[in-house]
Amino acid sequence: MGEVYCFRLPDDLETEAGGGGMKMKLEDMAKFTQLMLQDGCWEGKQLLKGWYYDQARMKHMETKGDSAGHVKEWANGYGYQCWIVKE
């Protein structure tokens, strides 16, 4: 992947907002998505440890009350910066 930019908060510390403000090229987002679809494996190499990937996909935050008027997947919970989608 190339450069990833994060939205900076308007403070004197140059704090980055993180995941919600990330900006990258479409091609890089496609690579990231493919990495996630392959359980953290890229070109035969395991880049994310299995335990971390498993934890990232598990619900850590309840979002059921926040889903009114949104897509149904929003009620499934939130993992490590990932919406949980049930197949």
PDB file of N, CA and C in Angstrom:
ATOM      1  N   MET A   1       0.836  -1.183   0.000  1.00  0.00           N
ATOM      2  CA  MET A   1       0.000   0.000   0.000  1.00  0.00           C
ATOM      3  C   MET A   1       0.872   1.234   0.000  1.00  0.00           C
ATOM      4  N   GLY A   2       0.290   2.276  -0.496  1.00  0.00           N
ATOM      5  CA  GLY A   2       0.997   3.550  -0.505  1.00  0.00           C
ATOM      6  C   GLY A   2       0.745   4.327   0.772  1.00  0.00           C
ATOM      7  N   GLU A   3       0.766   5.643   0.648  1.00  0.00           N
ATOM      8  CA  GLU A   3       0.566   6.490   1.816  1.00  0.00           C
ATOM      9  C   GLU A   3      -0.888   6.492   2.266  1.00  0.00           C
ATOM     10  N   VAL A   4      -1.080   6.517   3.564  1.00  0.00           N
ATOM     11  CA  VAL A   4      -2.409   6.624   4.154  1.00  0.00           C
ATOM     12  C   VAL A   4      -2.432   7.916   4.958  1.00  0.00           C
ATOM     13  N   TYR A   5      -3.425   8.731   4.704  1.00  0.00           N
ATOM     14  CA  TYR A   5      -3.548  10.004   5.403  1.00  0.00           C
ATOM     15  C   TYR A   5      -4.683   9.925   6.402  1.00  0.00           C
ATOM     16  N   CYS A   6      -4.485  10.524   7.547  1.00  0.00           N
ATOM     17  CA  CYS A   6      -5.538  10.591   8.551  1.00  0.00           C
ATOM     18  C   CYS A   6      -5.911  12.047   8.791  1.00  0.00           C
ATOM     19  N   PHE A   7      -7.172  12.257   9.044  1.00  0.00           N
ATOM     20  CA  PHE A   7      -7.670  13.582   9.377  1.00  0.00           C
ATOM     21  C   PHE A   7      -7.016  14.055  10.664  1.00  0.00           C
ATOM     22  N   ARG A   8      -6.507  15.257  10.674  1.00  0.00           N
ATOM     23  CA  ARG A   8      -5.886  15.823  11.880  1.00  0.00           C
ATOM     24  C   ARG A   8      -6.890  16.686  12.617  1.00  0.00           C
ATOM     25  N   LEU A   9      -6.903  16.519  13.923  1.00  0.00           N
ATOM     26  CA  LEU A   9      -7.779  17.334  14.757  1.00  0.00           C
ATOM     27  C   LEU A   9      -7.223  18.749  14.852  1.00  0.00           C
ATOM     28  N   PRO A  10      -8.087  19.736  15.026  1.00  0.00           N
ATOM     29  CA  PRO A  10      -7.620  21.121  15.092  1.00  0.00           C
ATOM     30  C   PRO A  10      -7.052  21.463  16.478  1.00  0.00           C
ATOM     31  N   ASP A  11      -5.940  20.812  16.838  1.00  0.00           N
ATOM     32  CA  ASP A  11      -5.300  21.101  18.119  1.00  0.00           C
ATOM     33  C   ASP A  11      -3.812  21.367  17.890  1.00  0.00           C
ATOM     34  N   ASP A  12      -3.128  21.782  18.909  1.00  0.00           N
ATOM     35  CA  ASP A  12      -1.702  22.094  18.789  1.00  0.00           C
ATOM     36  C   ASP A  12      -0.826  20.843  18.831  1.00  0.00           C
ATOM     37  N   LEU A  13      -1.411  19.677  19.095  1.00  0.00           N
ATOM     38  CA  LEU A  13      -0.645  18.437  19.228  1.00  0.00           C
ATOM     39  C   LEU A  13      -0.563  17.652  17.928  1.00  0.00           C
ATOM     40  N   GLU A  14      -1.212  18.129  16.871  1.00  0.00           N
ATOM     41  CA  GLU A  14      -1.277  17.432  15.584  1.00  0.00           C
ATOM     42  C   GLU A  14      -1.831  16.014  15.752  1.00  0.00           C
ATOM     43  N   THR A  15      -2.879  15.869  16.544  1.00  0.00           N
ATOM     44  CA  THR A  15      -3.515  14.588  16.815  1.00  0.00           C
ATOM     45  C   THR A  15      -4.256  14.105  15.578  1.00  0.00           C
ATOM     46  N   GLU A  16      -4.037  12.832  15.210  1.00  0.00           N
ATOM     47  CA  GLU A  16      -4.744  12.244  14.081  1.00  0.00           C
ATOM     48  C   GLU A  16      -6.014  11.570  14.578  1.00  0.00           C
ATOM     49  N   ALA A  17      -7.099  11.738  13.835  1.00  0.00           N
ATOM     50  CA  ALA A  17      -8.388  11.187  14.229  1.00  0.00           C
ATOM     51  C   ALA A  17      -8.425   9.662  14.119  1.00  0.00           C
ATOM     52  N   GLY A  18      -7.597   9.068  13.286  1.00  0.00           N
ATOM     53  CA  GLY A  18      -7.560   7.608  13.170  1.00  0.00           C
ATOM     54  C   GLY A  18      -8.446   7.074  12.074  1.00  0.00           C
ATOM     55  N   GLY A  19      -8.939   5.839  12.260  1.00  0.00           N
ATOM     56  CA  GLY A  19      -9.654   5.092  11.237  1.00  0.00           C
ATOM     57  C   GLY A  19     -10.769   5.813  10.530  1.00  0.00           C
ATOM     58  N   GLY A  20     -11.586   6.558  11.259  1.00  0.00           N
ATOM     59  CA  GLY A  20     -12.713   7.212  10.630  1.00  0.00           C
ATOM     60  C   GLY A  20     -12.312   8.304   9.665  1.00  0.00           C
ATOM     61  N   GLY A  21     -11.119   8.811   9.786  1.00  0.00           N
ATOM     62  CA  GLY A  21     -10.688   9.881   8.908  1.00  0.00           C
ATOM     63  C   GLY A  21      -9.610   9.468   7.930  1.00  0.00           C
ATOM     64  N   MET A  22      -9.405   8.171   7.744  1.00  0.00           N
ATOM     65  CA  MET A  22      -8.343   7.718   6.845  1.00  0.00           C
ATOM     66  C   MET A  22      -8.683   7.996   5.392  1.00  0.00           C
ATOM     67  N   LYS A  23      -7.680   8.389   4.649  1.00  0.00           N
ATOM     68  CA  LYS A  23      -7.830   8.619   3.219  1.00  0.00           C
ATOM     69  C   LYS A  23      -6.708   7.876   2.518  1.00  0.00           C
ATOM     70  N   MET A  24      -7.077   7.141   1.471  1.00  0.00           N
ATOM     71  CA  MET A  24      -6.084   6.402   0.688  1.00  0.00           C
ATOM     72  C   MET A  24      -6.609   6.232  -0.723  1.00  0.00           C
ATOM     73  N   LYS A  25      -5.735   5.776  -1.609  1.00  0.00           N
ATOM     74  CA  LYS A  25      -6.156   5.517  -2.980  1.00  0.00           C
ATOM     75  C   LYS A  25      -7.114   4.332  -3.003  1.00  0.00           C
ATOM     76  N   LEU A  26      -8.001   4.331  -3.976  1.00  0.00           N
ATOM     77  CA  LEU A  26      -8.964   3.252  -4.134  1.00  0.00           C
ATOM     78  C   LEU A  26      -8.269   1.897  -4.253  1.00  0.00           C
ATOM     79  N   GLU A  27      -7.178   1.855  -4.986  1.00  0.00           N
ATOM     80  CA  GLU A  27      -6.435   0.611  -5.161  1.00  0.00           C
ATOM     81  C   GLU A  27      -5.910   0.090  -3.818  1.00  0.00           C
ATOM     82  N   ASP A  28      -5.475   0.995  -2.950  1.00  0.00           N
ATOM     83  CA  ASP A  28      -4.972   0.591  -1.638  1.00  0.00           C
ATOM     84  C   ASP A  28      -6.102   0.099  -0.738  1.00  0.00           C
ATOM     85  N   MET A  29      -7.277   0.715  -0.836  1.00  0.00           N
ATOM     86  CA  MET A  29      -8.418   0.231  -0.067  1.00  0.00           C
ATOM     87  C   MET A  29      -8.802  -1.163  -0.540  1.00  0.00           C
ATOM     88  N   ALA A  30      -8.715  -1.407  -1.845  1.00  0.00           N
ATOM     89  CA  ALA A  30      -9.013  -2.740  -2.381  1.00  0.00           C
ATOM     90  C   ALA A  30      -8.015  -3.766  -1.841  1.00  0.00           C
ATOM     91  N   LYS A  31      -6.755  -3.392  -1.736  1.00  0.00           N
ATOM     92  CA  LYS A  31      -5.741  -4.299  -1.168  1.00  0.00           C
ATOM     93  C   LYS A  31      -6.036  -4.598   0.298  1.00  0.00           C
ATOM     94  N   PHE A  32      -6.395  -3.569   1.050  1.00  0.00           N
ATOM     95  CA  PHE A  32      -6.720  -3.766   2.457  1.00  0.00           C
ATOM     96  C   PHE A  32      -7.925  -4.687   2.609  1.00  0.00           C
ATOM     97  N   THR A  33      -8.939  -4.468   1.776  1.00  0.00           N
ATOM     98  CA  THR A  33     -10.135  -5.311   1.813  1.00  0.00           C
ATOM     99  C   THR A  33      -9.780  -6.757   1.498  1.00  0.00           C
ATOM    100  N   GLN A  34      -8.929  -6.962   0.495  1.00  0.00           N
ATOM    101  CA  GLN A  34      -8.512  -8.323   0.143  1.00  0.00           C
ATOM    102  C   GLN A  34      -7.739  -8.967   1.289  1.00  0.00           C
ATOM    103  N   LEU A  35      -6.895  -8.199   1.967  1.00  0.00           N
ATOM    104  CA  LEU A  35      -6.166  -8.709   3.132  1.00  0.00           C
ATOM    105  C   LEU A  35      -7.133  -9.202   4.196  1.00  0.00           C
ATOM    106  N   MET A  36      -8.175  -8.428   4.448  1.00  0.00           N
ATOM    107  CA  MET A  36      -9.163  -8.835   5.445  1.00  0.00           C
ATOM    108  C   MET A  36      -9.937 -10.067   4.993  1.00  0.00           C
ATOM    109  N   LEU A  37     -10.283 -10.140   3.714  1.00  0.00           N
ATOM    110  CA  LEU A  37     -11.010 -11.299   3.194  1.00  0.00           C
ATOM    111  C   LEU A  37     -10.169 -12.579   3.266  1.00  0.00           C
ATOM    112  N   GLN A  38      -8.849 -12.415   3.228  1.00  0.00           N
ATOM    113  CA  GLN A  38      -7.934 -13.566   3.273  1.00  0.00           C
ATOM    114  C   GLN A  38      -7.427 -13.822   4.684  1.00  0.00           C
ATOM    115  N   ASP A  39      -8.188 -13.389   5.683  1.00  0.00           N
ATOM    116  CA  ASP A  39      -7.852 -13.632   7.096  1.00  0.00           C
ATOM    117  C   ASP A  39      -6.460 -13.130   7.481  1.00  0.00           C
ATOM    118  N   GLY A  40      -6.084 -11.977   6.939  1.00  0.00           N
ATOM    119  CA  GLY A  40      -4.815 -11.359   7.303  1.00  0.00           C
ATOM    120  C   GLY A  40      -3.614 -11.889   6.540  1.00  0.00           C
ATOM    121  N   CYS A  41      -3.851 -12.646   5.477  1.00  0.00           N
ATOM    122  CA  CYS A  41      -2.771 -13.236   4.682  1.00  0.00           C
ATOM    123  C   CYS A  41      -2.647 -12.476   3.363  1.00  0.00           C
ATOM    124  N   TRP A  42      -1.409 -12.173   2.953  1.00  0.00           N
ATOM    125  CA  TRP A  42      -1.176 -11.468   1.698  1.00  0.00           C
ATOM    126  C   TRP A  42      -0.039 -12.141   0.945  1.00  0.00           C
ATOM    127  N   GLU A  43      -0.335 -12.552  -0.280  1.00  0.00           N
ATOM    128  CA  GLU A  43       0.649 -13.207  -1.155  1.00  0.00           C
ATOM    129  C   GLU A  43       1.373 -14.332  -0.428  1.00  0.00           C
ATOM    130  N   GLY A  44       0.611 -15.152   0.288  1.00  0.00           N
ATOM    131  CA  GLY A  44       1.169 -16.312   0.980  1.00  0.00           C
ATOM    132  C   GLY A  44       1.810 -16.025   2.327  1.00  0.00           C
ATOM    133  N   LYS A  45       1.864 -14.759   2.733  1.00  0.00           N
ATOM    134  CA  LYS A  45       2.462 -14.392   4.023  1.00  0.00           C
ATOM    135  C   LYS A  45       1.362 -13.974   4.988  1.00  0.00           C
ATOM    136  N   GLN A  46       1.436 -14.460   6.217  1.00  0.00           N
ATOM    137  CA  GLN A  46       0.477 -14.081   7.255  1.00  0.00           C
ATOM    138  C   GLN A  46       0.937 -12.761   7.864  1.00  0.00           C
ATOM    139  N   LEU A  47       0.281 -11.648   7.484  1.00  0.00           N
ATOM    140  CA  LEU A  47       0.675 -10.322   7.967  1.00  0.00           C
ATOM    141  C   LEU A  47       0.034  -9.971   9.301  1.00  0.00           C
ATOM    142  N   LEU A  48      -1.177 -10.463   9.521  1.00  0.00           N
ATOM    143  CA  LEU A  48      -1.842 -10.260  10.804  1.00  0.00           C
ATOM    144  C   LEU A  48      -1.875 -11.588  11.534  1.00  0.00           C
ATOM    145  N   LYS A  49      -1.487 -11.571  12.778  1.00  0.00           N
ATOM    146  CA  LYS A  49      -1.532 -12.805  13.563  1.00  0.00           C
ATOM    147  C   LYS A  49      -2.971 -13.287  13.652  1.00  0.00           C
ATOM    148  N   GLY A  50      -3.145 -14.598  13.603  1.00  0.00           N
ATOM    149  CA  GLY A  50      -4.474 -15.180  13.620  1.00  0.00           C
ATOM    150  C   GLY A  50      -5.318 -14.707  14.787  1.00  0.00           C
ATOM    151  N   TRP A  51      -4.738 -14.643  15.983  1.00  0.00           N
ATOM    152  CA  TRP A  51      -5.501 -14.235  17.166  1.00  0.00           C
ATOM    153  C   TRP A  51      -5.979 -12.790  17.028  1.00  0.00           C
ATOM    154  N   TYR A  52      -5.139 -11.919  16.447  1.00  0.00           N
ATOM    155  CA  TYR A  52      -5.538 -10.528  16.298  1.00  0.00           C
ATOM    156  C   TYR A  52      -6.680 -10.415  15.299  1.00  0.00           C
ATOM    157  N   TYR A  53      -6.545 -11.124  14.200  1.00  0.00           N
ATOM    158  CA  TYR A  53      -7.587 -11.061  13.180  1.00  0.00           C
ATOM    159  C   TYR A  53      -8.905 -11.578  13.734  1.00  0.00           C
ATOM    160  N   ASP A  54      -8.861 -12.657  14.495  1.00  0.00           N
ATOM    161  CA  ASP A  54     -10.076 -13.191  15.119  1.00  0.00           C
ATOM    162  C   ASP A  54     -10.697 -12.168  16.062  1.00  0.00           C
ATOM    163  N   GLN A  55      -9.873 -11.508  16.852  1.00  0.00           N
ATOM    164  CA  GLN A  55     -10.369 -10.492  17.785  1.00  0.00           C
ATOM    165  C   GLN A  55     -10.944  -9.279  17.047  1.00  0.00           C
ATOM    166  N   ALA A  56     -10.311  -8.883  15.950  1.00  0.00           N
ATOM    167  CA  ALA A  56     -10.769  -7.717  15.194  1.00  0.00           C
ATOM    168  C   ALA A  56     -12.166  -7.924  14.637  1.00  0.00           C
ATOM    169  N   ARG A  57     -12.515  -9.175  14.347  1.00  0.00           N
ATOM    170  CA  ARG A  57     -13.823  -9.484  13.766  1.00  0.00           C
ATOM    171  C   ARG A  57     -14.893  -9.760  14.815  1.00  0.00           C
ATOM    172  N   MET A  58     -14.527  -9.798  16.083  1.00  0.00           N
ATOM    173  CA  MET A  58     -15.499 -10.068  17.144  1.00  0.00           C
ATOM    174  C   MET A  58     -16.138  -8.772  17.637  1.00  0.00           C
ATOM    175  N   LYS A  59     -17.362  -8.882  18.119  1.00  0.00           N
ATOM    176  CA  LYS A  59     -18.050  -7.702  18.638  1.00  0.00           C
ATOM    177  C   LYS A  59     -17.428  -7.290  19.965  1.00  0.00           C
ATOM    178  N   HIS A  60     -16.985  -6.041  20.021  1.00  0.00           N
ATOM    179  CA  HIS A  60     -16.436  -5.460  21.249  1.00  0.00           C
ATOM    180  C   HIS A  60     -17.310  -4.313  21.744  1.00  0.00           C
ATOM    181  N   MET A  61     -18.185  -3.818  20.873  1.00  0.00           N
ATOM    182  CA  MET A  61     -19.056  -2.718  21.247  1.00  0.00           C
ATOM    183  C   MET A  61     -20.461  -3.005  20.716  1.00  0.00           C
ATOM    184  N   GLU A  62     -21.429  -2.847  21.578  1.00  0.00           N
ATOM    185  CA  GLU A  62     -22.830  -3.032  21.188  1.00  0.00           C
ATOM    186  C   GLU A  62     -23.298  -1.811  20.402  1.00  0.00           C
ATOM    187  N   THR A  63     -23.971  -2.044  19.292  1.00  0.00           N
ATOM    188  CA  THR A  63     -24.462  -0.942  18.462  1.00  0.00           C
ATOM    189  C   THR A  63     -25.950  -1.071  18.155  1.00  0.00           C
ATOM    190  N   LYS A  64     -26.614  -2.000  18.791  1.00  0.00           N
ATOM    191  CA  LYS A  64     -28.019  -2.265  18.491  1.00  0.00           C
ATOM    192  C   LYS A  64     -28.869  -1.005  18.621  1.00  0.00           C
ATOM    193  N   GLY A  65     -28.668  -0.217  19.641  1.00  0.00           N
ATOM    194  CA  GLY A  65     -29.458   0.988  19.851  1.00  0.00           C
ATOM    195  C   GLY A  65     -29.158   2.100  18.869  1.00  0.00           C
ATOM    196  N   ASP A  66     -28.007   2.013  18.178  1.00  0.00           N
ATOM    197  CA  ASP A  66     -27.605   3.046  17.230  1.00  0.00           C
ATOM    198  C   ASP A  66     -28.055   2.757  15.806  1.00  0.00           C
ATOM    199  N   SER A  67     -28.746   1.641  15.591  1.00  0.00           N
ATOM    200  CA  SER A  67     -29.008   1.202  14.224  1.00  0.00           C
ATOM    201  C   SER A  67     -30.323   1.723  13.637  1.00  0.00           C
ATOM    202  N   ALA A  68     -31.131   2.394  14.416  1.00  0.00           N
ATOM    203  CA  ALA A  68     -32.431   2.870  13.919  1.00  0.00           C
ATOM    204  C   ALA A  68     -32.243   3.758  12.691  1.00  0.00           C
ATOM    205  N   GLY A  69     -32.917   3.396  11.615  1.00  0.00           N
ATOM    206  CA  GLY A  69     -32.845   4.191  10.395  1.00  0.00           C
ATOM    207  C   GLY A  69     -31.624   3.930   9.544  1.00  0.00           C
ATOM    208  N   HIS A  70     -30.799   2.978   9.931  1.00  0.00           N
ATOM    209  CA  HIS A  70     -29.592   2.646   9.174  1.00  0.00           C
ATOM    210  C   HIS A  70     -29.700   1.238   8.624  1.00  0.00           C
ATOM    211  N   VAL A  71     -28.683   0.808   7.920  1.00  0.00           N
ATOM    212  CA  VAL A  71     -28.669  -0.553   7.388  1.00  0.00           C
ATOM    213  C   VAL A  71     -28.648  -1.546   8.541  1.00  0.00           C
ATOM    214  N   LYS A  72     -29.246  -2.705   8.351  1.00  0.00           N
ATOM    215  CA  LYS A  72     -29.405  -3.666   9.443  1.00  0.00           C
ATOM    216  C   LYS A  72     -28.065  -4.126  10.030  1.00  0.00           C
ATOM    217  N   GLU A  73     -26.987  -4.135   9.234  1.00  0.00           N
ATOM    218  CA  GLU A  73     -25.686  -4.588   9.739  1.00  0.00           C
ATOM    219  C   GLU A  73     -25.171  -3.723  10.883  1.00  0.00           C
ATOM    220  N   TRP A  74     -25.643  -2.490  10.963  1.00  0.00           N
ATOM    221  CA  TRP A  74     -25.182  -1.604  12.028  1.00  0.00           C
ATOM    222  C   TRP A  74     -25.582  -2.116  13.405  1.00  0.00           C
ATOM    223  N   ALA A  75     -26.551  -3.004  13.476  1.00  0.00           N
ATOM    224  CA  ALA A  75     -27.004  -3.543  14.761  1.00  0.00           C
ATOM    225  C   ALA A  75     -26.196  -4.756  15.203  1.00  0.00           C
ATOM    226  N   ASN A  76     -25.248  -5.210  14.391  1.00  0.00           N
ATOM    227  CA  ASN A  76     -24.475  -6.418  14.709  1.00  0.00           C
ATOM    228  C   ASN A  76     -23.307  -6.167  15.655  1.00  0.00           C
ATOM    229  N   GLY A  77     -22.952  -4.941  15.881  1.00  0.00           N
ATOM    230  CA  GLY A  77     -21.831  -4.628  16.768  1.00  0.00           C
ATOM    231  C   GLY A  77     -20.635  -4.085  16.011  1.00  0.00           C
ATOM    232  N   TYR A  78     -19.598  -3.792  16.759  1.00  0.00           N
ATOM    233  CA  TYR A  78     -18.397  -3.155  16.223  1.00  0.00           C
ATOM    234  C   TYR A  78     -17.181  -3.856  16.800  1.00  0.00           C
ATOM    235  N   GLY A  79     -16.223  -4.210  15.934  1.00  0.00           N
ATOM    236  CA  GLY A  79     -14.985  -4.851  16.371  1.00  0.00           C
ATOM    237  C   GLY A  79     -13.873  -3.826  16.487  1.00  0.00           C
ATOM    238  N   TYR A  80     -12.658  -4.203  16.099  1.00  0.00           N
ATOM    239  CA  TYR A  80     -11.531  -3.264  16.097  1.00  0.00           C
ATOM    240  C   TYR A  80     -11.613  -2.433  14.822  1.00  0.00           C
ATOM    241  N   GLN A  81     -12.312  -1.319  14.884  1.00  0.00           N
ATOM    242  CA  GLN A  81     -12.500  -0.410  13.755  1.00  0.00           C
ATOM    243  C   GLN A  81     -13.211  -1.069  12.581  1.00  0.00           C
ATOM    244  N   CYS A  82     -14.002  -2.112  12.841  1.00  0.00           N
ATOM    245  CA  CYS A  82     -14.732  -2.826  11.801  1.00  0.00           C
ATOM    246  C   CYS A  82     -16.173  -3.049  12.200  1.00  0.00           C
ATOM    247  N   TRP A  83     -17.100  -2.752  11.299  1.00  0.00           N
ATOM    248  CA  TRP A  83     -18.477  -3.134  11.511  1.00  0.00           C
ATOM    249  C   TRP A  83     -18.560  -4.650  11.355  1.00  0.00           C
ATOM    250  N   ILE A  84     -19.352  -5.277  12.193  1.00  0.00           N
ATOM    251  CA  ILE A  84     -19.529  -6.734  12.123  1.00  0.00           C
ATOM    252  C   ILE A  84     -20.671  -7.031  11.164  1.00  0.00           C
ATOM    253  N   VAL A  85     -20.401  -7.837  10.163  1.00  0.00           N
ATOM    254  CA  VAL A  85     -21.405  -8.227   9.188  1.00  0.00           C
ATOM    255  C   VAL A  85     -21.611  -9.734   9.311  1.00  0.00           C
ATOM    256  N   LYS A  86     -22.837 -10.138   9.502  1.00  0.00           N
ATOM    257  CA  LYS A  86     -23.150 -11.556   9.597  1.00  0.00           C
ATOM    258  C   LYS A  86     -23.629 -12.034   8.237  1.00  0.00           C
ATOM    259  N   GLU A  87     -23.109 -13.165   7.817  1.00  0.00           N
ATOM    260  CA  GLU A  87     -23.472 -13.698   6.490  1.00  0.00           C
ATOM    261  C   GLU A  87     -24.758 -14.470   6.570  1.00  0.00           C
TER     262      GLU A  87
END
